[in-house]
PDB file of N, CA and C in Angstrom:
ATOM      1  N   MET A   1    -118.515 -59.101-138.095  1.00  0.00           N
ATOM      2  CA  MET A   1    -118.138 -60.021-139.061  1.00  0.00           C
ATOM      3  C   MET A   1    -119.042 -60.545-140.474  1.00  0.00           C
ATOM      4  N   HIS A   2    -118.541 -60.148-141.401  1.00  0.00           N
ATOM      5  CA  HIS A   2    -118.707 -60.470-142.607  1.00  0.00           C
ATOM      6  C   HIS A   2    -118.538 -61.878-142.947  1.00  0.00           C
ATOM      7  N   LYS A   3    -119.012 -62.588-143.647  1.00  0.00           N
ATOM      8  CA  LYS A   3    -119.674 -64.113-143.966  1.00  0.00           C
ATOM      9  C   LYS A   3    -118.360 -64.679-145.650  1.00  0.00           C
ATOM     10  N   TYR A   4    -118.003 -63.804-145.572  1.00  0.00           N
ATOM     11  CA  TYR A   4    -117.272 -64.358-146.522  1.00  0.00           C
ATOM     12  C   TYR A   4    -115.772 -65.254-146.215  1.00  0.00           C
ATOM     13  N   GLU A   5    -115.222 -66.076-147.664  1.00  0.00           N
ATOM     14  CA  GLU A   5    -114.018 -66.422-147.144  1.00  0.00           C
ATOM     15  C   GLU A   5    -113.110 -65.998-147.179  1.00  0.00           C
ATOM     16  N   ARG A   6    -112.317 -66.242-145.905  1.00  0.00           N
ATOM     17  CA  ARG A   6    -110.828 -65.742-146.281  1.00  0.00           C
ATOM     18  C   ARG A   6    -109.733 -66.784-146.375  1.00  0.00           C
ATOM     19  N   ILE A   7    -108.423 -66.659-147.323  1.00  0.00           N
ATOM     20  CA  ILE A   7    -107.845 -67.288-147.107  1.00  0.00           C
ATOM     21  C   ILE A   7    -106.305 -66.567-146.309  1.00  0.00           C
ATOM     22  N   ILE A   8    -105.790 -67.539-145.527  1.00  0.00           N
ATOM     23  CA  ILE A   8    -104.944 -66.186-144.440  1.00  0.00           C
ATOM     24  C   ILE A   8    -103.503 -67.372-145.076  1.00  0.00           C
ATOM     25  N   TYR A   9    -102.312 -66.020-145.340  1.00  0.00           N
ATOM     26  CA  TYR A   9    -100.873 -66.975-145.533  1.00  0.00           C
ATOM     27  C   TYR A   9    -100.322 -66.169-145.459  1.00  0.00           C
ATOM     28  N   TRP A  10     -98.552 -67.046-144.856  1.00  0.00           N
ATOM     29  CA  TRP A  10     -97.645 -66.213-144.597  1.00  0.00           C
ATOM     30  C   TRP A  10     -97.022 -65.482-145.788  1.00  0.00           C
ATOM     31  N   SER A  11     -96.500 -64.471-146.313  1.00  0.00           N
ATOM     32  CA  SER A  11     -95.373 -64.178-147.066  1.00  0.00           C
ATOM     33  C   SER A  11     -94.171 -63.367-146.835  1.00  0.00           C
ATOM     34  N   GLU A  12     -92.951 -64.284-147.020  1.00  0.00           N
ATOM     35  CA  GLU A  12     -91.622 -64.588-147.047  1.00  0.00           C
ATOM     36  C   GLU A  12     -91.188 -62.901-148.010  1.00  0.00           C
ATOM     37  N   ALA A  13     -91.664 -62.523-148.937  1.00  0.00           N
ATOM     38  CA  ALA A  13     -91.679 -61.414-149.542  1.00  0.00           C
ATOM     39  C   ALA A  13     -91.655 -60.365-148.541  1.00  0.00           C
ATOM     40  N   ASP A  14     -92.789 -59.992-147.867  1.00  0.00           N
ATOM     41  CA  ASP A  14     -93.599 -59.292-147.439  1.00  0.00           C
ATOM     42  C   ASP A  14     -93.296 -59.327-146.134  1.00  0.00           C
ATOM     43  N   GLN A  15     -92.619 -60.227-145.584  1.00  0.00           N
ATOM     44  CA  GLN A  15     -92.526 -60.305-143.822  1.00  0.00           C
ATOM     45  C   GLN A  15     -94.106 -59.862-143.557  1.00  0.00           C
ATOM     46  N   LYS A  16     -94.782 -60.439-143.729  1.00  0.00           N
ATOM     47  CA  LYS A  16     -96.523 -60.414-143.032  1.00  0.00           C
ATOM     48  C   LYS A  16     -96.967 -61.566-143.208  1.00  0.00           C
ATOM     49  N   PHE A  17     -98.181 -61.307-142.684  1.00  0.00           N
ATOM     50  CA  PHE A  17     -99.600 -61.809-142.823  1.00  0.00           C
ATOM     51  C   PHE A  17    -100.487 -61.856-144.259  1.00  0.00           C
ATOM     52  N   ILE A  18    -100.884 -62.861-144.913  1.00  0.00           N
ATOM     53  CA  ILE A  18    -101.825 -61.893-146.073  1.00  0.00           C
ATOM     54  C   ILE A  18    -102.582 -62.491-146.123  1.00  0.00           C
ATOM     55  N   VAL A  19    -104.088 -62.171-145.722  1.00  0.00           N
ATOM     56  CA  VAL A  19    -105.358 -62.113-146.308  1.00  0.00           C
ATOM     57  C   VAL A  19    -106.261 -62.203-147.936  1.00  0.00           C
ATOM     58  N   GLU A  20    -106.470 -62.973-148.006  1.00  0.00           N
ATOM     59  CA  GLU A  20    -106.995 -62.786-149.963  1.00  0.00           C
ATOM     60  C   GLU A  20    -108.585 -63.068-149.645  1.00  0.00           C
ATOM     61  N   VAL A  21    -109.454 -62.585-150.061  1.00  0.00           N
ATOM     62  CA  VAL A  21    -111.320 -62.813-149.869  1.00  0.00           C
ATOM     63  C   VAL A  21    -111.782 -62.552-151.404  1.00  0.00           C
ATOM     64  N   PRO A  22    -111.426 -64.344-151.854  1.00  0.00           N
ATOM     65  CA  PRO A  22    -111.553 -64.218-153.325  1.00  0.00           C
ATOM     66  C   PRO A  22    -113.003 -64.101-153.877  1.00  0.00           C
ATOM     67  N   GLU A  23    -114.267 -64.032-153.241  1.00  0.00           N
ATOM     68  CA  GLU A  23    -115.361 -63.461-153.518  1.00  0.00           C
ATOM     69  C   GLU A  23    -115.646 -62.386-154.067  1.00  0.00           C
ATOM     70  N   LEU A  24    -114.180 -61.302-153.259  1.00  0.00           N
ATOM     71  CA  LEU A  24    -114.647 -59.535-153.291  1.00  0.00           C
ATOM     72  C   LEU A  24    -113.068 -59.290-154.476  1.00  0.00           C
ATOM     73  N   ALA A  25    -113.694 -58.735-155.910  1.00  0.00           N
ATOM     74  CA  ALA A  25    -112.260 -58.905-156.467  1.00  0.00           C
ATOM     75  C   ALA A  25    -111.271 -58.167-155.793  1.00  0.00           C
ATOM     76  N   GLY A  26    -110.093 -57.916-155.722  1.00  0.00           N
ATOM     77  CA  GLY A  26    -109.122 -57.289-155.503  1.00  0.00           C
ATOM     78  C   GLY A  26    -109.044 -57.550-153.821  1.00  0.00           C
ATOM     79  N   CYS A  27    -109.682 -57.771-153.222  1.00  0.00           N
ATOM     80  CA  CYS A  27    -109.916 -57.574-151.630  1.00  0.00           C
ATOM     81  C   CYS A  27    -108.594 -58.243-151.369  1.00  0.00           C
ATOM     82  N   MET A  28    -107.622 -57.653-150.371  1.00  0.00           N
ATOM     83  CA  MET A  28    -106.698 -58.313-149.580  1.00  0.00           C
ATOM     84  C   MET A  28    -106.278 -57.254-148.326  1.00  0.00           C
ATOM     85  N   ALA A  29    -105.556 -58.200-147.189  1.00  0.00           N
ATOM     86  CA  ALA A  29    -105.447 -57.191-146.206  1.00  0.00           C
ATOM     87  C   ALA A  29    -103.719 -58.128-145.455  1.00  0.00           C
ATOM     88  N   ASP A  30    -103.390 -57.355-144.630  1.00  0.00           N
ATOM     89  CA  ASP A  30    -101.937 -57.423-144.380  1.00  0.00           C
ATOM     90  C   ASP A  30    -101.707 -57.206-142.980  1.00  0.00           C
ATOM     91  N   GLY A  31    -100.806 -58.041-142.133  1.00  0.00           N
ATOM     92  CA  GLY A  31    -100.559 -57.578-141.188  1.00  0.00           C
ATOM     93  C   GLY A  31     -99.928 -58.393-140.124  1.00  0.00           C
ATOM     94  N   ARG A  32     -98.782 -57.759-139.390  1.00  0.00           N
ATOM     95  CA  ARG A  32     -97.854 -58.482-138.329  1.00  0.00           C
ATOM     96  C   ARG A  32     -97.787 -59.755-138.062  1.00  0.00           C
ATOM     97  N   THR A  33     -99.339 -59.722-137.130  1.00  0.00           N
ATOM     98  CA  THR A  33     -99.394 -61.551-137.350  1.00  0.00           C
ATOM     99  C   THR A  33    -100.852 -61.789-138.257  1.00  0.00           C
ATOM    100  N   ALA A  34    -101.310 -63.102-137.662  1.00  0.00           N
ATOM    101  CA  ALA A  34    -102.496 -63.584-137.780  1.00  0.00           C
ATOM    102  C   ALA A  34    -104.072 -62.689-138.190  1.00  0.00           C
ATOM    103  N   THR A  35    -103.413 -62.243-136.573  1.00  0.00           N
ATOM    104  CA  THR A  35    -105.145 -61.755-135.496  1.00  0.00           C
ATOM    105  C   THR A  35    -105.026 -60.171-136.666  1.00  0.00           C
ATOM    106  N   GLU A  36    -104.219 -59.510-136.827  1.00  0.00           N
ATOM    107  CA  GLU A  36    -103.909 -58.601-137.154  1.00  0.00           C
ATOM    108  C   GLU A  36    -104.413 -58.141-138.461  1.00  0.00           C
ATOM    109  N   ALA A  37    -104.234 -59.141-139.705  1.00  0.00           N
ATOM    110  CA  ALA A  37    -104.404 -59.559-141.030  1.00  0.00           C
ATOM    111  C   ALA A  37    -105.989 -59.443-140.322  1.00  0.00           C
ATOM    112  N   LEU A  38    -106.127 -60.587-140.211  1.00  0.00           N
ATOM    113  CA  LEU A  38    -107.887 -60.798-140.023  1.00  0.00           C
ATOM    114  C   LEU A  38    -108.514 -59.850-139.730  1.00  0.00           C
ATOM    115  N   GLU A  39    -107.866 -59.059-138.908  1.00  0.00           N
ATOM    116  CA  GLU A  39    -108.536 -57.519-138.614  1.00  0.00           C
ATOM    117  C   GLU A  39    -108.520 -56.741-139.331  1.00  0.00           C
ATOM    118  N   ASN A  40    -107.693 -56.338-140.069  1.00  0.00           N
ATOM    119  CA  ASN A  40    -107.145 -55.507-141.335  1.00  0.00           C
ATOM    120  C   ASN A  40    -108.358 -56.068-142.415  1.00  0.00           C
ATOM    121  N   ALA A  41    -108.976 -57.378-142.306  1.00  0.00           N
ATOM    122  CA  ALA A  41    -109.109 -57.842-143.388  1.00  0.00           C
ATOM    123  C   ALA A  41    -111.164 -57.375-143.275  1.00  0.00           C
ATOM    124  N   GLU A  42    -111.363 -57.673-142.401  1.00  0.00           N
ATOM    125  CA  GLU A  42    -112.974 -57.027-141.796  1.00  0.00           C
ATOM    126  C   GLU A  42    -112.920 -55.927-142.429  1.00  0.00           C
ATOM    127  N   VAL A  43    -111.573 -54.550-141.989  1.00  0.00           N
ATOM    128  CA  VAL A  43    -112.135 -52.658-142.365  1.00  0.00           C
ATOM    129  C   VAL A  43    -112.088 -53.149-144.545  1.00  0.00           C
ATOM    130  N   VAL A  44    -110.803 -54.216-145.041  1.00  0.00           N
ATOM    131  CA  VAL A  44    -111.106 -53.616-145.877  1.00  0.00           C
ATOM    132  C   VAL A  44    -112.108 -54.302-146.846  1.00  0.00           C
ATOM    133  N   ILE A  45    -112.939 -55.243-145.952  1.00  0.00           N
ATOM    134  CA  ILE A  45    -114.008 -56.221-146.672  1.00  0.00           C
ATOM    135  C   ILE A  45    -115.230 -55.000-146.424  1.00  0.00           C
ATOM    136  N   SER A  46    -115.505 -54.023-145.707  1.00  0.00           N
ATOM    137  CA  SER A  46    -116.580 -52.786-145.437  1.00  0.00           C
ATOM    138  C   SER A  46    -116.352 -52.128-146.247  1.00  0.00           C
ATOM    139  N   GLU A  47    -115.154 -51.789-146.239  1.00  0.00           N
ATOM    140  CA  GLU A  47    -114.691 -50.244-147.136  1.00  0.00           C
ATOM    141  C   GLU A  47    -114.947 -50.792-148.834  1.00  0.00           C
ATOM    142  N   TRP A  48    -114.756 -52.499-149.084  1.00  0.00           N
ATOM    143  CA  TRP A  48    -114.683 -52.917-150.689  1.00  0.00           C
ATOM    144  C   TRP A  48    -116.518 -52.564-150.697  1.00  0.00           C
ATOM    145  N   LEU A  49    -117.248 -52.906-149.973  1.00  0.00           N
ATOM    146  CA  LEU A  49    -118.438 -53.271-149.634  1.00  0.00           C
ATOM    147  C   LEU A  49    -119.548 -51.825-149.782  1.00  0.00           C
ATOM    148  N   ASP A  50    -118.417 -50.835-149.359  1.00  0.00           N
ATOM    149  CA  ASP A  50    -119.498 -49.324-149.335  1.00  0.00           C
ATOM    150  C   ASP A  50    -118.891 -48.849-150.244  1.00  0.00           C
ATOM    151  N   ILE A  51    -118.047 -49.126-151.550  1.00  0.00           N
ATOM    152  CA  ILE A  51    -117.388 -48.622-152.326  1.00  0.00           C
ATOM    153  C   ILE A  51    -118.188 -48.936-153.208  1.00  0.00           C
ATOM    154  N   ALA A  52    -118.301 -50.259-153.137  1.00  0.00           N
ATOM    155  CA  ALA A  52    -119.424 -50.846-154.576  1.00  0.00           C
ATOM    156  C   ALA A  52    -120.543 -50.558-154.428  1.00  0.00           C
ATOM    157  N   GLU A  53    -121.085 -50.486-153.153  1.00  0.00           N
ATOM    158  CA  GLU A  53    -123.092 -49.864-152.996  1.00  0.00           C
ATOM    159  C   GLU A  53    -122.739 -47.974-153.492  1.00  0.00           C
ATOM    160  N   GLU A  54    -121.755 -47.731-153.683  1.00  0.00           N
ATOM    161  CA  GLU A  54    -121.765 -46.207-153.716  1.00  0.00           C
ATOM    162  C   GLU A  54    -121.610 -46.100-155.324  1.00  0.00           C
ATOM    163  N   LEU A  55    -120.740 -47.028-156.059  1.00  0.00           N
ATOM    164  CA  LEU A  55    -120.770 -46.566-157.222  1.00  0.00           C
ATOM    165  C   LEU A  55    -121.926 -47.785-157.926  1.00  0.00           C
ATOM    166  N   GLY A  56    -122.614 -48.678-157.383  1.00  0.00           N
ATOM    167  CA  GLY A  56    -123.831 -48.806-157.918  1.00  0.00           C
ATOM    168  C   GLY A  56    -123.572 -50.242-158.432  1.00  0.00           C
ATOM    169  N   ARG A  57    -122.443 -50.708-158.102  1.00  0.00           N
ATOM    170  CA  ARG A  57    -121.711 -52.545-158.542  1.00  0.00           C
ATOM    171  C   ARG A  57    -122.954 -53.757-157.496  1.00  0.00           C
ATOM    172  N   GLU A  58    -123.222 -54.446-158.163  1.00  0.00           N
ATOM    173  CA  GLU A  58    -123.337 -55.672-157.972  1.00  0.00           C
ATOM    174  C   GLU A  58    -122.567 -56.326-156.568  1.00  0.00           C
ATOM    175  N   ILE A  59    -122.999 -56.563-155.537  1.00  0.00           N
ATOM    176  CA  ILE A  59    -122.540 -56.828-154.551  1.00  0.00           C
ATOM    177  C   ILE A  59    -122.718 -58.755-154.438  1.00  0.00           C
ATOM    178  N   PRO A  60    -121.535 -59.225-154.546  1.00  0.00           N
ATOM    179  CA  PRO A  60    -122.373 -60.575-154.168  1.00  0.00           C
ATOM    180  C   PRO A  60    -122.319 -61.127-153.003  1.00  0.00           C
ATOM    181  N   GLN A  61    -123.407 -62.040-153.038  1.00  0.00           N
ATOM    182  CA  GLN A  61    -123.529 -62.801-151.516  1.00  0.00           C
ATOM    183  C   GLN A  61    -122.579 -63.591-151.686  1.00  0.00           C
ATOM    184  N   PRO A  62    -122.390 -64.043-149.955  1.00  0.00           N
ATOM    185  CA  PRO A  62    -121.128 -64.878-149.615  1.00  0.00           C
ATOM    186  C   PRO A  62    -121.359 -66.452-149.780  1.00  0.00           C
ATOM    187  N   LYS A  63    -120.869 -67.043-150.229  1.00  0.00           N
ATOM    188  CA  LYS A  63    -121.028 -68.533-150.415  1.00  0.00           C
ATOM    189  C   LYS A  63    -120.247 -69.639-149.393  1.00  0.00           C
ATOM    190  N   GLY A  64    -119.711 -68.859-148.688  1.00  0.00           N
ATOM    191  CA  GLY A  64    -119.210 -69.827-148.075  1.00  0.00           C
ATOM    192  C   GLY A  64    -117.751 -70.497-148.227  1.00  0.00           C
ATOM    193  N   LYS A  65    -117.353 -71.594-147.562  1.00  0.00           N
ATOM    194  CA  LYS A  65    -116.451 -72.313-148.198  1.00  0.00           C
ATOM    195  C   LYS A  65    -116.618 -72.592-149.829  1.00  0.00           C
ATOM    196  N   LEU A  66    -115.249 -71.744-150.462  1.00  0.00           N
ATOM    197  CA  LEU A  66    -115.059 -72.179-151.959  1.00  0.00           C
ATOM    198  C   LEU A  66    -114.856 -73.813-152.279  1.00  0.00           C
ATOM    199  N   MET A  67    -115.388 -74.212-153.723  1.00  0.00           N
ATOM    200  CA  MET A  67    -114.117 -75.824-153.776  1.00  0.00           C
ATOM    201  C   MET A  67    -113.092 -75.438-154.151  1.00  0.00           C
ATOM    202  N   TYR A  68    -112.704 -74.437-154.289  1.00  0.00           N
ATOM    203  CA  TYR A  68    -111.203 -74.125-155.548  1.00  0.00           C
ATOM    204  C   TYR A  68    -110.775 -72.930-154.138  1.00  0.00           C
ATOM    205  N   ALA A  69    -109.057 -73.385-154.330  1.00  0.00           N
ATOM    206  CA  ALA A  69    -108.425 -71.831-153.828  1.00  0.00           C
ATOM    207  C   ALA A  69    -106.951 -71.332-154.401  1.00  0.00           C
TER     208      ALA A  69
END
């Protein structure tokens, strides 16, 4: 499991749980349940990191709990 902070919330518009990963720009996932959304977020985080590495972009170090959201 990656150590990046995740913010999870219910989206009425989408009728799904949404997970945002604030430390990784644009990194989000969704799911019908909170558990599914978190599992999908793990996949998306891995893909985000793989693509960033392939493109030679800087990969942020996990900071843990952020002081804002």
